[in-house]
Amino acid sequence: MVIYRRAGPKDSAGLEDCFRRLQDFERTLEPNRAKGRTVCKEYVARLFKQCATHKGAVHVAEVGGRIVAFVCVLGRVDSEEIIEAEPEHAYVTDLYVDEEHRGAGIGEQLMEGAELHARSCGATRLKVGVLSANTRAHRFYERMGFRDNEVVLEKRLDNP
C-alpha cells in the first residue's frame, strides 16, 4: 500500500537516500553532475529552505514505512525575466520514483499533488526541467501535459 503525504525535516534521511539515487542516475546521463553522496544532505536542506522562501512543498510516497518517491514543488517563483509577460510561475525542482516502483502510478500521483499545490498558491503556470538525455522522463512529463518551452544548449570549451 502506498501512502502519500507532505514531508518535513524529519524525513531528511529518506529524502537524502532518494536524492542520492536520483543524482547518481543523472550522472550516467550528464557527467557534470556531482556524486549523490557528496551533495545529498546539503541538497535536501536547500530544498526545505527553498520551500520556505517560495511557498513550496515536498511530498513523498511511502511503502512499508520507507520513502520510495518524492516531488518538490515551489509554489511561487519569479523568473525575473523582463521579457516575459508572466514571470511568476510554480516550479517542480525534483521528481524521483525508485526503480522498483515505477509504472505503478506513483509519479503521476505525486505530480498531480504538485499541480494542486501550485494552483493553491495561485500559480497559472507550472514548469519542470529535464536533462535532454533523459528521454523516459521527458515522455512522462509530456504525458502529464507539459510541452517543450525552451531548450538550453551547452558547448564544452575545454575539449576542442
C-alpha atoms as a PDB file:
ATOM      1  CA  MET A   1       0.000   0.000   0.000  1.00  0.00           C
ATOM      2  CA  VAL A   2       1.329   3.443  -0.958  1.00  0.00           C
ATOM      3  CA  ILE A   3       0.908   6.326   1.477  1.00  0.00           C
ATOM      4  CA  TYR A   4       1.189   9.868   0.097  1.00  0.00           C
ATOM      5  CA  ARG A   5       1.937  12.716   2.466  1.00  0.00           C
ATOM      6  CA  ARG A   6       3.714  16.014   2.851  1.00  0.00           C
ATOM      7  CA  ALA A   7       7.297  15.660   4.038  1.00  0.00           C
ATOM      8  CA  GLY A   8       9.032  17.557   6.788  1.00  0.00           C
ATOM      9  CA  PRO A   9      12.583  17.865   8.117  1.00  0.00           C
ATOM     10  CA  LYS A  10      12.158  14.547   9.997  1.00  0.00           C
ATOM     11  CA  ASP A  11      12.089  12.893   6.551  1.00  0.00           C
ATOM     12  CA  SER A  12      15.505  14.247   5.575  1.00  0.00           C
ATOM     13  CA  ALA A  13      17.331  10.902   5.741  1.00  0.00           C
ATOM     14  CA  GLY A  14      14.795   9.179   3.445  1.00  0.00           C
ATOM     15  CA  LEU A  15      14.820  12.120   1.048  1.00  0.00           C
ATOM     16  CA  GLU A  16      18.618  12.185   1.028  1.00  0.00           C
ATOM     17  CA  ASP A  17      18.648   8.495   0.100  1.00  0.00           C
ATOM     18  CA  CYS A  18      16.206   9.095  -2.773  1.00  0.00           C
ATOM     19  CA  PHE A  19      18.089  12.161  -3.982  1.00  0.00           C
ATOM     20  CA  ARG A  20      21.399  10.266  -3.895  1.00  0.00           C
ATOM     21  CA  ARG A  21      19.941   7.636  -6.226  1.00  0.00           C
ATOM     22  CA  LEU A  22      18.421  10.310  -8.478  1.00  0.00           C
ATOM     23  CA  GLN A  23      21.720  12.175  -8.677  1.00  0.00           C
ATOM     24  CA  ASP A  24      23.727   9.025  -9.373  1.00  0.00           C
ATOM     25  CA  PHE A  25      21.320   8.089 -12.173  1.00  0.00           C
ATOM     26  CA  GLU A  26      21.578  11.584 -13.658  1.00  0.00           C
ATOM     27  CA  ARG A  27      25.393  11.266 -13.557  1.00  0.00           C
ATOM     28  CA  THR A  28      25.072   8.418 -16.061  1.00  0.00           C
ATOM     29  CA  LEU A  29      23.374  10.897 -18.415  1.00  0.00           C
ATOM     30  CA  GLU A  30      25.297  14.072 -17.577  1.00  0.00           C
ATOM     31  CA  PRO A  31      28.912  13.795 -16.380  1.00  0.00           C
ATOM     32  CA  ASN A  32      28.815  17.290 -14.838  1.00  0.00           C
ATOM     33  CA  ARG A  33      26.569  16.026 -12.014  1.00  0.00           C
ATOM     34  CA  ALA A  34      28.221  15.705  -8.605  1.00  0.00           C
ATOM     35  CA  LYS A  35      28.240  12.329  -6.849  1.00  0.00           C
ATOM     36  CA  GLY A  36      24.998  11.881  -4.974  1.00  0.00           C
ATOM     37  CA  ARG A  37      26.565  11.027  -1.637  1.00  0.00           C
ATOM     38  CA  THR A  38      28.627  14.226  -1.660  1.00  0.00           C
ATOM     39  CA  VAL A  39      25.670  16.590  -2.107  1.00  0.00           C
ATOM     40  CA  CYS A  40      22.526  14.797  -0.880  1.00  0.00           C
ATOM     41  CA  LYS A  41      22.479  16.188   2.674  1.00  0.00           C
ATOM     42  CA  GLU A  42      23.101  19.791   1.602  1.00  0.00           C
ATOM     43  CA  TYR A  43      20.695  19.490  -1.339  1.00  0.00           C
ATOM     44  CA  VAL A  44      17.775  18.265   0.779  1.00  0.00           C
ATOM     45  CA  ALA A  45      18.399  21.008   3.348  1.00  0.00           C
ATOM     46  CA  ARG A  46      18.349  23.510   0.492  1.00  0.00           C
ATOM     47  CA  LEU A  47      15.047  22.089  -0.795  1.00  0.00           C
ATOM     48  CA  PHE A  48      13.364  22.790   2.547  1.00  0.00           C
ATOM     49  CA  LYS A  49      14.875  26.287   2.612  1.00  0.00           C
ATOM     50  CA  GLN A  50      13.597  26.974  -0.925  1.00  0.00           C
ATOM     51  CA  CYS A  51      10.167  25.679   0.069  1.00  0.00           C
ATOM     52  CA  ALA A  52      10.054  28.150   2.961  1.00  0.00           C
ATOM     53  CA  THR A  53      11.026  31.016   0.645  1.00  0.00           C
ATOM     54  CA  HIS A  54       8.833  30.117  -2.351  1.00  0.00           C
ATOM     55  CA  LYS A  55       5.675  28.615  -0.803  1.00  0.00           C
ATOM     56  CA  GLY A  56       6.922  25.176  -1.678  1.00  0.00           C
ATOM     57  CA  ALA A  57       6.236  21.651  -0.522  1.00  0.00           C
ATOM     58  CA  VAL A  58       7.899  18.274  -0.639  1.00  0.00           C
ATOM     59  CA  HIS A  59       5.523  15.330  -0.986  1.00  0.00           C
ATOM     60  CA  VAL A  60       6.570  11.729  -0.554  1.00  0.00           C
ATOM     61  CA  ALA A  61       5.242   8.282  -1.301  1.00  0.00           C
ATOM     62  CA  GLU A  62       5.891   5.620   1.324  1.00  0.00           C
ATOM     63  CA  VAL A  63       5.716   1.862   1.035  1.00  0.00           C
ATOM     64  CA  GLY A  64       6.193  -0.159   4.195  1.00  0.00           C
ATOM     65  CA  GLY A  65       7.321   2.930   6.096  1.00  0.00           C
ATOM     66  CA  ARG A  66      10.089   3.663   3.567  1.00  0.00           C
ATOM     67  CA  ILE A  67      10.124   6.727   1.297  1.00  0.00           C
ATOM     68  CA  VAL A  68      10.204   5.374  -2.264  1.00  0.00           C
ATOM     69  CA  ALA A  69       9.429   8.577  -4.164  1.00  0.00           C
ATOM     70  CA  PHE A  70       9.249  12.316  -3.763  1.00  0.00           C
ATOM     71  CA  VAL A  71       8.414  15.523  -5.566  1.00  0.00           C
ATOM     72  CA  CYS A  72       9.370  19.062  -4.628  1.00  0.00           C
ATOM     73  CA  VAL A  73       7.315  21.960  -5.985  1.00  0.00           C
ATOM     74  CA  LEU A  74       7.948  25.647  -5.405  1.00  0.00           C
ATOM     75  CA  GLY A  75       4.595  27.423  -5.472  1.00  0.00           C
ATOM     76  CA  ARG A  76       5.761  30.950  -6.313  1.00  0.00           C
ATOM     77  CA  VAL A  77       8.916  31.575  -8.344  1.00  0.00           C
ATOM     78  CA  ASP A  78       9.699  34.766 -10.243  1.00  0.00           C
ATOM     79  CA  SER A  79      11.872  34.184 -13.308  1.00  0.00           C
ATOM     80  CA  GLU A  80      12.915  37.855 -13.083  1.00  0.00           C
ATOM     81  CA  GLU A  81      12.887  37.915 -16.873  1.00  0.00           C
ATOM     82  CA  ILE A  82      11.654  41.291 -18.086  1.00  0.00           C
ATOM     83  CA  ILE A  83      10.885  39.781 -21.489  1.00  0.00           C
ATOM     84  CA  GLU A  84       8.167  37.544 -20.015  1.00  0.00           C
ATOM     85  CA  ALA A  85       4.605  38.829 -19.691  1.00  0.00           C
ATOM     86  CA  GLU A  86       4.017  36.426 -16.752  1.00  0.00           C
ATOM     87  CA  PRO A  87       7.338  35.894 -14.977  1.00  0.00           C
ATOM     88  CA  GLU A  88       5.766  34.259 -11.904  1.00  0.00           C
ATOM     89  CA  HIS A  89       5.224  30.505 -12.021  1.00  0.00           C
ATOM     90  CA  ALA A  90       5.464  27.327  -9.963  1.00  0.00           C
ATOM     91  CA  TYR A  91       8.425  25.010 -10.465  1.00  0.00           C
ATOM     92  CA  VAL A  92       8.989  21.302  -9.871  1.00  0.00           C
ATOM     93  CA  THR A  93      12.591  21.047  -8.749  1.00  0.00           C
ATOM     94  CA  ASP A  94      12.718  17.262  -8.486  1.00  0.00           C
ATOM     95  CA  LEU A  95      10.683  14.147  -9.052  1.00  0.00           C
ATOM     96  CA  TYR A  96      12.024  10.723  -8.183  1.00  0.00           C
ATOM     97  CA  VAL A  97      10.473   7.264  -8.008  1.00  0.00           C
ATOM     98  CA  ASP A  98      12.522   4.200  -7.016  1.00  0.00           C
ATOM     99  CA  GLU A  99      13.111   1.904  -9.973  1.00  0.00           C
ATOM    100  CA  GLU A 100      11.130  -0.979  -8.463  1.00  0.00           C
ATOM    101  CA  HIS A 101       8.054   1.226  -8.013  1.00  0.00           C
ATOM    102  CA  ARG A 102       7.973   2.816 -11.457  1.00  0.00           C
ATOM    103  CA  GLY A 103       4.970   2.140 -13.647  1.00  0.00           C
ATOM    104  CA  ALA A 104       2.595   1.914 -10.671  1.00  0.00           C
ATOM    105  CA  GLY A 105       1.247   5.472 -10.993  1.00  0.00           C
ATOM    106  CA  ILE A 106       3.263   6.930  -8.116  1.00  0.00           C
ATOM    107  CA  GLY A 107       4.907   9.591 -10.267  1.00  0.00           C
ATOM    108  CA  GLU A 108       1.537  10.635 -11.675  1.00  0.00           C
ATOM    109  CA  GLN A 109       0.039  10.898  -8.175  1.00  0.00           C
ATOM    110  CA  LEU A 110       2.946  12.999  -6.955  1.00  0.00           C
ATOM    111  CA  MET A 111       2.778  15.301  -9.982  1.00  0.00           C
ATOM    112  CA  GLU A 112      -0.974  15.737  -9.548  1.00  0.00           C
ATOM    113  CA  GLY A 113      -0.280  16.724  -5.940  1.00  0.00           C
ATOM    114  CA  ALA A 114       2.375  19.166  -7.128  1.00  0.00           C
ATOM    115  CA  GLU A 115      -0.142  20.718  -9.531  1.00  0.00           C
ATOM    116  CA  LEU A 116      -2.718  21.055  -6.752  1.00  0.00           C
ATOM    117  CA  HIS A 117      -0.149  22.741  -4.557  1.00  0.00           C
ATOM    118  CA  ALA A 118       0.861  25.118  -7.357  1.00  0.00           C
ATOM    119  CA  ARG A 119      -2.773  26.039  -8.017  1.00  0.00           C
ATOM    120  CA  SER A 120      -3.367  26.637  -4.296  1.00  0.00           C
ATOM    121  CA  CYS A 121      -0.500  29.133  -4.390  1.00  0.00           C
ATOM    122  CA  GLY A 122      -2.182  30.988  -7.254  1.00  0.00           C
ATOM    123  CA  ALA A 123       0.178  29.771  -9.963  1.00  0.00           C
ATOM    124  CA  THR A 124      -1.148  29.710 -13.513  1.00  0.00           C
ATOM    125  CA  ARG A 125       1.936  28.000 -14.954  1.00  0.00           C
ATOM    126  CA  LEU A 126       3.997  25.035 -13.777  1.00  0.00           C
ATOM    127  CA  LYS A 127       7.495  24.411 -15.098  1.00  0.00           C
ATOM    128  CA  VAL A 128       9.830  21.443 -14.790  1.00  0.00           C
ATOM    129  CA  GLY A 129      13.334  20.858 -16.136  1.00  0.00           C
ATOM    130  CA  VAL A 130      14.609  17.589 -17.540  1.00  0.00           C
ATOM    131  CA  LEU A 131      18.004  16.518 -18.840  1.00  0.00           C
ATOM    132  CA  SER A 132      17.895  16.223 -22.617  1.00  0.00           C
ATOM    133  CA  ALA A 133      19.279  12.673 -22.433  1.00  0.00           C
ATOM    134  CA  ASN A 134      16.526  11.579 -20.025  1.00  0.00           C
ATOM    135  CA  THR A 135      14.030  10.669 -22.723  1.00  0.00           C
ATOM    136  CA  ARG A 136      11.931   8.500 -20.393  1.00  0.00           C
ATOM    137  CA  ALA A 137      11.326  11.429 -18.017  1.00  0.00           C
ATOM    138  CA  HIS A 138      10.701  13.770 -20.951  1.00  0.00           C
ATOM    139  CA  ARG A 139       7.988  11.454 -22.301  1.00  0.00           C
ATOM    140  CA  PHE A 140       6.476  11.160 -18.814  1.00  0.00           C
ATOM    141  CA  TYR A 141       6.173  14.936 -18.494  1.00  0.00           C
ATOM    142  CA  GLU A 142       4.632  15.167 -21.954  1.00  0.00           C
ATOM    143  CA  ARG A 143       2.026  12.587 -20.906  1.00  0.00           C
ATOM    144  CA  MET A 144       1.334  14.781 -17.859  1.00  0.00           C
ATOM    145  CA  GLY A 145       0.521  17.702 -20.186  1.00  0.00           C
ATOM    146  CA  PHE A 146       3.853  19.538 -20.258  1.00  0.00           C
ATOM    147  CA  ARG A 147       5.186  20.883 -23.539  1.00  0.00           C
ATOM    148  CA  ASP A 148       8.693  21.972 -24.512  1.00  0.00           C
ATOM    149  CA  ASN A 149       9.076  25.659 -23.800  1.00  0.00           C
ATOM    150  CA  GLU A 150      12.755  26.472 -24.076  1.00  0.00           C
ATOM    151  CA  VAL A 151      15.831  24.470 -24.978  1.00  0.00           C
ATOM    152  CA  VAL A 152      19.166  25.361 -23.393  1.00  0.00           C
ATOM    153  CA  LEU A 153      22.199  24.177 -25.336  1.00  0.00           C
ATOM    154  CA  GLU A 154      25.670  23.702 -23.904  1.00  0.00           C
ATOM    155  CA  LYS A 155      29.097  23.514 -25.520  1.00  0.00           C
ATOM    156  CA  ARG A 156      32.195  22.313 -23.699  1.00  0.00           C
ATOM    157  CA  LEU A 157      35.048  24.786 -24.199  1.00  0.00           C
ATOM    158  CA  ASP A 158      37.790  22.706 -22.573  1.00  0.00           C
ATOM    159  CA  ASN A 159      37.692  19.990 -25.282  1.00  0.00           C
ATOM    160  CA  PRO A 160      38.471  21.297 -28.773  1.00  0.00           C
END
